[in-house]
């Protein structure tokens, strides 16, 4: 392989690694944003609502029990 072939190989490998890193970064930012409360539409907000509902159901059952 000539010098230009090695350079082309190095550039292509660097490009692929960079693209993978950008993809992982994007996914991490997306999933972390789902774990922060934002006023109603995040996964965290749904979990919080479910926890409140379960606690309310448990308190109703304890009062009736």
PDB file of N, CA and C in Angstrom:
ATOM      1  N   UNK A   1       0.838  -1.175   0.000  1.00  0.00           N
ATOM      2  CA  UNK A   1       0.000   0.000   0.000  1.00  0.00           C
ATOM      3  C   UNK A   1       0.886   1.242   0.000  1.00  0.00           C
ATOM      4  N   UNK A   2       0.423   2.211  -0.736  1.00  0.00           N
ATOM      5  CA  UNK A   2       1.198   3.444  -0.824  1.00  0.00           C
ATOM      6  C   UNK A   2       0.821   4.371   0.331  1.00  0.00           C
ATOM      7  N   UNK A   3       1.553   5.446   0.438  1.00  0.00           N
ATOM      8  CA  UNK A   3       1.317   6.415   1.505  1.00  0.00           C
ATOM      9  C   UNK A   3      -0.083   7.023   1.408  1.00  0.00           C
ATOM     10  N   UNK A   4      -0.522   7.302   0.192  1.00  0.00           N
ATOM     11  CA  UNK A   4      -1.851   7.887   0.017  1.00  0.00           C
ATOM     12  C   UNK A   4      -2.946   6.878   0.398  1.00  0.00           C
ATOM     13  N   UNK A   5      -2.711   5.591   0.157  1.00  0.00           N
ATOM     14  CA  UNK A   5      -3.682   4.570   0.575  1.00  0.00           C
ATOM     15  C   UNK A   5      -3.776   4.512   2.100  1.00  0.00           C
ATOM     16  N   UNK A   6      -2.634   4.570   2.777  1.00  0.00           N
ATOM     17  CA  UNK A   6      -2.636   4.566   4.244  1.00  0.00           C
ATOM     18  C   UNK A   6      -3.338   5.800   4.796  1.00  0.00           C
ATOM     19  N   UNK A   7      -3.090   6.936   4.165  1.00  0.00           N
ATOM     20  CA  UNK A   7      -3.736   8.176   4.606  1.00  0.00           C
ATOM     21  C   UNK A   7      -5.248   8.092   4.417  1.00  0.00           C
ATOM     22  N   UNK A   8      -5.690   7.544   3.289  1.00  0.00           N
ATOM     23  CA  UNK A   8      -7.115   7.389   3.030  1.00  0.00           C
ATOM     24  C   UNK A   8      -7.743   6.433   4.035  1.00  0.00           C
ATOM     25  N   UNK A   9      -7.050   5.361   4.372  1.00  0.00           N
ATOM     26  CA  UNK A   9      -7.543   4.414   5.368  1.00  0.00           C
ATOM     27  C   UNK A   9      -7.656   5.078   6.742  1.00  0.00           C
ATOM     28  N   UNK A  10      -6.662   5.850   7.114  1.00  0.00           N
ATOM     29  CA  UNK A  10      -6.680   6.533   8.400  1.00  0.00           C
ATOM     30  C   UNK A  10      -7.823   7.547   8.470  1.00  0.00           C
ATOM     31  N   UNK A  11      -8.039   8.280   7.387  1.00  0.00           N
ATOM     32  CA  UNK A  11      -9.124   9.260   7.355  1.00  0.00           C
ATOM     33  C   UNK A  11     -10.482   8.559   7.442  1.00  0.00           C
ATOM     34  N   UNK A  12     -10.642   7.464   6.741  1.00  0.00           N
ATOM     35  CA  UNK A  12     -11.931   6.770   6.768  1.00  0.00           C
ATOM     36  C   UNK A  12     -12.205   6.170   8.148  1.00  0.00           C
ATOM     37  N   UNK A  13     -11.190   5.604   8.790  1.00  0.00           N
ATOM     38  CA  UNK A  13     -11.367   5.056  10.140  1.00  0.00           C
ATOM     39  C   UNK A  13     -11.704   6.172  11.122  1.00  0.00           C
ATOM     40  N   UNK A  14     -11.007   7.292  11.011  1.00  0.00           N
ATOM     41  CA  UNK A  14     -11.280   8.434  11.888  1.00  0.00           C
ATOM     42  C   UNK A  14     -12.696   8.949  11.684  1.00  0.00           C
ATOM     43  N   UNK A  15     -13.143   8.988  10.448  1.00  0.00           N
ATOM     44  CA  UNK A  15     -14.502   9.438  10.153  1.00  0.00           C
ATOM     45  C   UNK A  15     -15.539   8.505  10.756  1.00  0.00           C
ATOM     46  N   UNK A  16     -15.332   7.207  10.627  1.00  0.00           N
ATOM     47  CA  UNK A  16     -16.277   6.241  11.189  1.00  0.00           C
ATOM     48  C   UNK A  16     -16.325   6.314  12.714  1.00  0.00           C
ATOM     49  N   UNK A  17     -15.174   6.446  13.351  1.00  0.00           N
ATOM     50  CA  UNK A  17     -15.131   6.548  14.809  1.00  0.00           C
ATOM     51  C   UNK A  17     -15.812   7.844  15.257  1.00  0.00           C
ATOM     52  N   UNK A  18     -15.572   8.922  14.554  1.00  0.00           N
ATOM     53  CA  UNK A  18     -16.205  10.195  14.885  1.00  0.00           C
ATOM     54  C   UNK A  18     -17.715  10.138  14.723  1.00  0.00           C
ATOM     55  N   UNK A  19     -18.184   9.508  13.647  1.00  0.00           N
ATOM     56  CA  UNK A  19     -19.625   9.384  13.434  1.00  0.00           C
ATOM     57  C   UNK A  19     -20.261   8.532  14.528  1.00  0.00           C
ATOM     58  N   UNK A  20     -19.600   7.464  14.928  1.00  0.00           N
ATOM     59  CA  UNK A  20     -20.121   6.616  16.005  1.00  0.00           C
ATOM     60  C   UNK A  20     -20.171   7.400  17.316  1.00  0.00           C
ATOM     61  N   UNK A  21     -19.145   8.189  17.599  1.00  0.00           N
ATOM     62  CA  UNK A  21     -19.114   8.981  18.827  1.00  0.00           C
ATOM     63  C   UNK A  21     -20.239  10.011  18.838  1.00  0.00           C
ATOM     64  N   UNK A  22     -20.485  10.639  17.712  1.00  0.00           N
ATOM     65  CA  UNK A  22     -21.573  11.620  17.623  1.00  0.00           C
ATOM     66  C   UNK A  22     -22.921  10.927  17.814  1.00  0.00           C
ATOM     67  N   UNK A  23     -23.081   9.742  17.249  1.00  0.00           N
ATOM     68  CA  UNK A  23     -24.325   8.994  17.420  1.00  0.00           C
ATOM     69  C   UNK A  23     -24.570   8.609  18.865  1.00  0.00           C
ATOM     70  N   UNK A  24     -23.529   8.136  19.535  1.00  0.00           N
ATOM     71  CA  UNK A  24     -23.661   7.775  20.945  1.00  0.00           C
ATOM     72  C   UNK A  24     -23.975   9.006  21.781  1.00  0.00           C
ATOM     73  N   UNK A  25     -23.327  10.108  21.499  1.00  0.00           N
ATOM     74  CA  UNK A  25     -23.578  11.349  22.237  1.00  0.00           C
ATOM     75  C   UNK A  25     -25.024  11.790  22.085  1.00  0.00           C
ATOM     76  N   UNK A  26     -25.544  11.700  20.865  1.00  0.00           N
ATOM     77  CA  UNK A  26     -26.936  12.071  20.615  1.00  0.00           C
ATOM     78  C   UNK A  26     -27.889  11.171  21.408  1.00  0.00           C
ATOM     79  N   UNK A  27     -27.648   9.869  21.405  1.00  0.00           N
ATOM     80  CA  UNK A  27     -28.510   8.946  22.139  1.00  0.00           C
ATOM     81  C   UNK A  27     -28.465   9.201  23.641  1.00  0.00           C
ATOM     82  N   UNK A  28     -27.284   9.458  24.168  1.00  0.00           N
ATOM     83  CA  UNK A  28     -27.153   9.721  25.603  1.00  0.00           C
ATOM     84  C   UNK A  28     -27.914  10.985  25.978  1.00  0.00           C
ATOM     85  N   UNK A  29     -27.797  12.040  25.176  1.00  0.00           N
ATOM     86  CA  UNK A  29     -28.520  13.278  25.469  1.00  0.00           C
ATOM     87  C   UNK A  29     -30.023  13.050  25.414  1.00  0.00           C
ATOM     88  N   UNK A  30     -30.482  12.254  24.447  1.00  0.00           N
ATOM     89  CA  UNK A  30     -31.912  11.988  24.321  1.00  0.00           C
ATOM     90  C   UNK A  30     -32.432  11.235  25.541  1.00  0.00           C
ATOM     91  N   UNK A  31     -31.743  10.170  25.932  1.00  0.00           N
ATOM     92  CA  UNK A  31     -32.220   9.376  27.060  1.00  0.00           C
ATOM     93  C   UNK A  31     -32.096  10.122  28.382  1.00  0.00           C
ATOM     94  N   UNK A  32     -31.083  10.939  28.546  1.00  0.00           N
ATOM     95  CA  UNK A  32     -30.973  11.730  29.769  1.00  0.00           C
ATOM     96  C   UNK A  32     -32.078  12.783  29.848  1.00  0.00           C
ATOM     97  N   UNK A  33     -32.485  13.314  28.706  1.00  0.00           N
ATOM     98  CA  UNK A  33     -33.568  14.298  28.730  1.00  0.00           C
ATOM     99  C   UNK A  33     -34.887  13.654  29.150  1.00  0.00           C
ATOM    100  N   UNK A  34     -35.060  12.370  28.894  1.00  0.00           N
ATOM    101  CA  UNK A  34     -36.270  11.674  29.317  1.00  0.00           C
ATOM    102  C   UNK A  34     -36.296  11.451  30.823  1.00  0.00           C
ATOM    103  N   UNK A  35     -35.158  11.517  31.471  1.00  0.00           N
ATOM    104  CA  UNK A  35     -35.094  11.264  32.906  1.00  0.00           C
ATOM    105  C   UNK A  35     -35.228  12.528  33.746  1.00  0.00           C
ATOM    106  N   UNK A  36     -35.370  13.679  33.099  1.00  0.00           N
ATOM    107  CA  UNK A  36     -35.570  14.936  33.814  1.00  0.00           C
ATOM    108  C   UNK A  36     -37.032  15.351  33.696  1.00  0.00           C
ATOM    109  N   UNK A  37     -37.635  15.783  34.790  1.00  0.00           N
ATOM    110  CA  UNK A  37     -39.018  16.253  34.686  1.00  0.00           C
ATOM    111  C   UNK A  37     -39.103  17.523  33.833  1.00  0.00           C
ATOM    112  N   UNK A  38     -40.110  17.573  32.959  1.00  0.00           N
ATOM    113  CA  UNK A  38     -40.239  18.753  32.108  1.00  0.00           C
ATOM    114  C   UNK A  38     -41.664  19.297  32.081  1.00  0.00           C
ATOM    115  N   UNK A  39     -42.474  18.896  33.022  1.00  0.00           N
ATOM    116  CA  UNK A  39     -43.811  19.456  33.086  1.00  0.00           C
ATOM    117  C   UNK A  39     -44.898  18.553  32.542  1.00  0.00           C
ATOM    118  N   UNK A  40     -44.591  17.293  32.239  1.00  0.00           N
ATOM    119  CA  UNK A  40     -45.678  16.415  31.865  1.00  0.00           C
ATOM    120  C   UNK A  40     -45.394  15.351  30.839  1.00  0.00           C
ATOM    121  N   UNK A  41     -44.457  15.549  29.945  1.00  0.00           N
ATOM    122  CA  UNK A  41     -44.326  14.597  28.851  1.00  0.00           C
ATOM    123  C   UNK A  41     -43.094  13.697  28.936  1.00  0.00           C
ATOM    124  N   UNK A  42     -42.287  13.828  29.968  1.00  0.00           N
ATOM    125  CA  UNK A  42     -41.100  12.978  30.045  1.00  0.00           C
ATOM    126  C   UNK A  42     -41.426  11.676  30.770  1.00  0.00           C
ATOM    127  N   UNK A  43     -40.557  10.721  30.622  1.00  0.00           N
ATOM    128  CA  UNK A  43     -40.704   9.442  31.300  1.00  0.00           C
ATOM    129  C   UNK A  43     -40.690   9.640  32.809  1.00  0.00           C
ATOM    130  N   UNK A  44     -39.867  10.547  33.284  1.00  0.00           N
ATOM    131  CA  UNK A  44     -39.785  10.835  34.714  1.00  0.00           C
ATOM    132  C   UNK A  44     -41.127  11.342  35.249  1.00  0.00           C
ATOM    133  N   UNK A  45     -41.783  12.211  34.490  1.00  0.00           N
ATOM    134  CA  UNK A  45     -43.090  12.722  34.909  1.00  0.00           C
ATOM    135  C   UNK A  45     -44.120  11.595  34.975  1.00  0.00           C
ATOM    136  N   UNK A  46     -44.071  10.677  34.030  1.00  0.00           N
ATOM    137  CA  UNK A  46     -45.001   9.543  34.042  1.00  0.00           C
ATOM    138  C   UNK A  46     -44.774   8.666  35.261  1.00  0.00           C
ATOM    139  N   UNK A  47     -43.523   8.413  35.587  1.00  0.00           N
ATOM    140  CA  UNK A  47     -43.207   7.603  36.759  1.00  0.00           C
ATOM    141  C   UNK A  47     -43.678   8.304  38.025  1.00  0.00           C
ATOM    142  N   UNK A  48     -43.465   9.603  38.107  1.00  0.00           N
ATOM    143  CA  UNK A  48     -43.911  10.360  39.285  1.00  0.00           C
ATOM    144  C   UNK A  48     -45.425  10.293  39.448  1.00  0.00           C
ATOM    145  N   UNK A  49     -46.156  10.423  38.324  1.00  0.00           N
ATOM    146  CA  UNK A  49     -47.618  10.337  38.390  1.00  0.00           C
ATOM    147  C   UNK A  49     -48.055   8.951  38.863  1.00  0.00           C
ATOM    148  N   UNK A  50     -47.428   7.916  38.331  1.00  0.00           N
ATOM    149  CA  UNK A  50     -47.781   6.556  38.743  1.00  0.00           C
ATOM    150  C   UNK A  50     -47.493   6.325  40.223  1.00  0.00           C
ATOM    151  N   UNK A  51     -46.371   6.844  40.698  1.00  0.00           N
ATOM    152  CA  UNK A  51     -46.046   6.688  42.121  1.00  0.00           C
ATOM    153  C   UNK A  51     -47.100   7.367  43.004  1.00  0.00           C
ATOM    154  N   UNK A  52     -47.529   8.558  42.621  1.00  0.00           N
ATOM    155  CA  UNK A  52     -48.563   9.254  43.401  1.00  0.00           C
ATOM    156  C   UNK A  52     -49.867   8.468  43.404  1.00  0.00           C
ATOM    157  N   UNK A  53     -50.240   7.919  42.248  1.00  0.00           N
ATOM    158  CA  UNK A  53     -51.477   7.154  42.160  1.00  0.00           C
ATOM    159  C   UNK A  53     -51.410   5.881  43.004  1.00  0.00           C
ATOM    160  N   UNK A  54     -50.272   5.199  42.972  1.00  0.00           N
ATOM    161  CA  UNK A  54     -50.113   3.991  43.772  1.00  0.00           C
ATOM    162  C   UNK A  54     -50.165   4.322  45.256  1.00  0.00           C
ATOM    163  N   UNK A  55     -49.513   5.389  45.652  1.00  0.00           N
ATOM    164  CA  UNK A  55     -49.565   5.798  47.064  1.00  0.00           C
ATOM    165  C   UNK A  55     -50.987   6.129  47.487  1.00  0.00           C
ATOM    166  N   UNK A  56     -51.747   6.769  46.614  1.00  0.00           N
ATOM    167  CA  UNK A  56     -53.137   7.102  46.933  1.00  0.00           C
ATOM    168  C   UNK A  56     -53.980   5.830  47.055  1.00  0.00           C
ATOM    169  N   UNK A  57     -53.771   4.888  46.155  1.00  0.00           N
ATOM    170  CA  UNK A  57     -54.507   3.622  46.223  1.00  0.00           C
ATOM    171  C   UNK A  57     -54.170   2.876  47.505  1.00  0.00           C
ATOM    172  N   UNK A  58     -52.899   2.852  47.857  1.00  0.00           N
ATOM    173  CA  UNK A  58     -52.482   2.164  49.083  1.00  0.00           C
ATOM    174  C   UNK A  58     -53.112   2.828  50.302  1.00  0.00           C
ATOM    175  N   UNK A  59     -53.143   4.149  50.334  1.00  0.00           N
ATOM    176  CA  UNK A  59     -53.737   4.829  51.497  1.00  0.00           C
ATOM    177  C   UNK A  59     -55.236   4.556  51.570  1.00  0.00           C
ATOM    178  N   UNK A  60     -55.919   4.475  50.445  1.00  0.00           N
ATOM    179  CA  UNK A  60     -57.354   4.145  50.439  1.00  0.00           C
ATOM    180  C   UNK A  60     -57.561   2.734  50.954  1.00  0.00           C
ATOM    181  N   UNK A  61     -56.728   1.794  50.513  1.00  0.00           N
ATOM    182  CA  UNK A  61     -56.864   0.410  50.967  1.00  0.00           C
ATOM    183  C   UNK A  61     -56.571   0.265  52.456  1.00  0.00           C
ATOM    184  N   UNK A  62     -55.619   1.022  52.953  1.00  0.00           N
ATOM    185  CA  UNK A  62     -55.291   0.951  54.378  1.00  0.00           C
ATOM    186  C   UNK A  62     -56.466   1.499  55.202  1.00  0.00           C
ATOM    187  N   UNK A  63     -57.074   2.606  54.748  1.00  0.00           N
ATOM    188  CA  UNK A  63     -58.212   3.172  55.470  1.00  0.00           C
ATOM    189  C   UNK A  63     -59.400   2.220  55.496  1.00  0.00           C
ATOM    190  N   UNK A  64     -59.624   1.493  54.386  1.00  0.00           N
ATOM    191  CA  UNK A  64     -60.762   0.572  54.321  1.00  0.00           C
ATOM    192  C   UNK A  64     -60.468  -0.750  55.025  1.00  0.00           C
ATOM    193  N   UNK A  65     -59.174  -1.104  55.117  1.00  0.00           N
ATOM    194  CA  UNK A  65     -58.775  -2.401  55.675  1.00  0.00           C
ATOM    195  C   UNK A  65     -58.914  -2.452  57.131  1.00  0.00           C
TER     196      UNK A  65
END
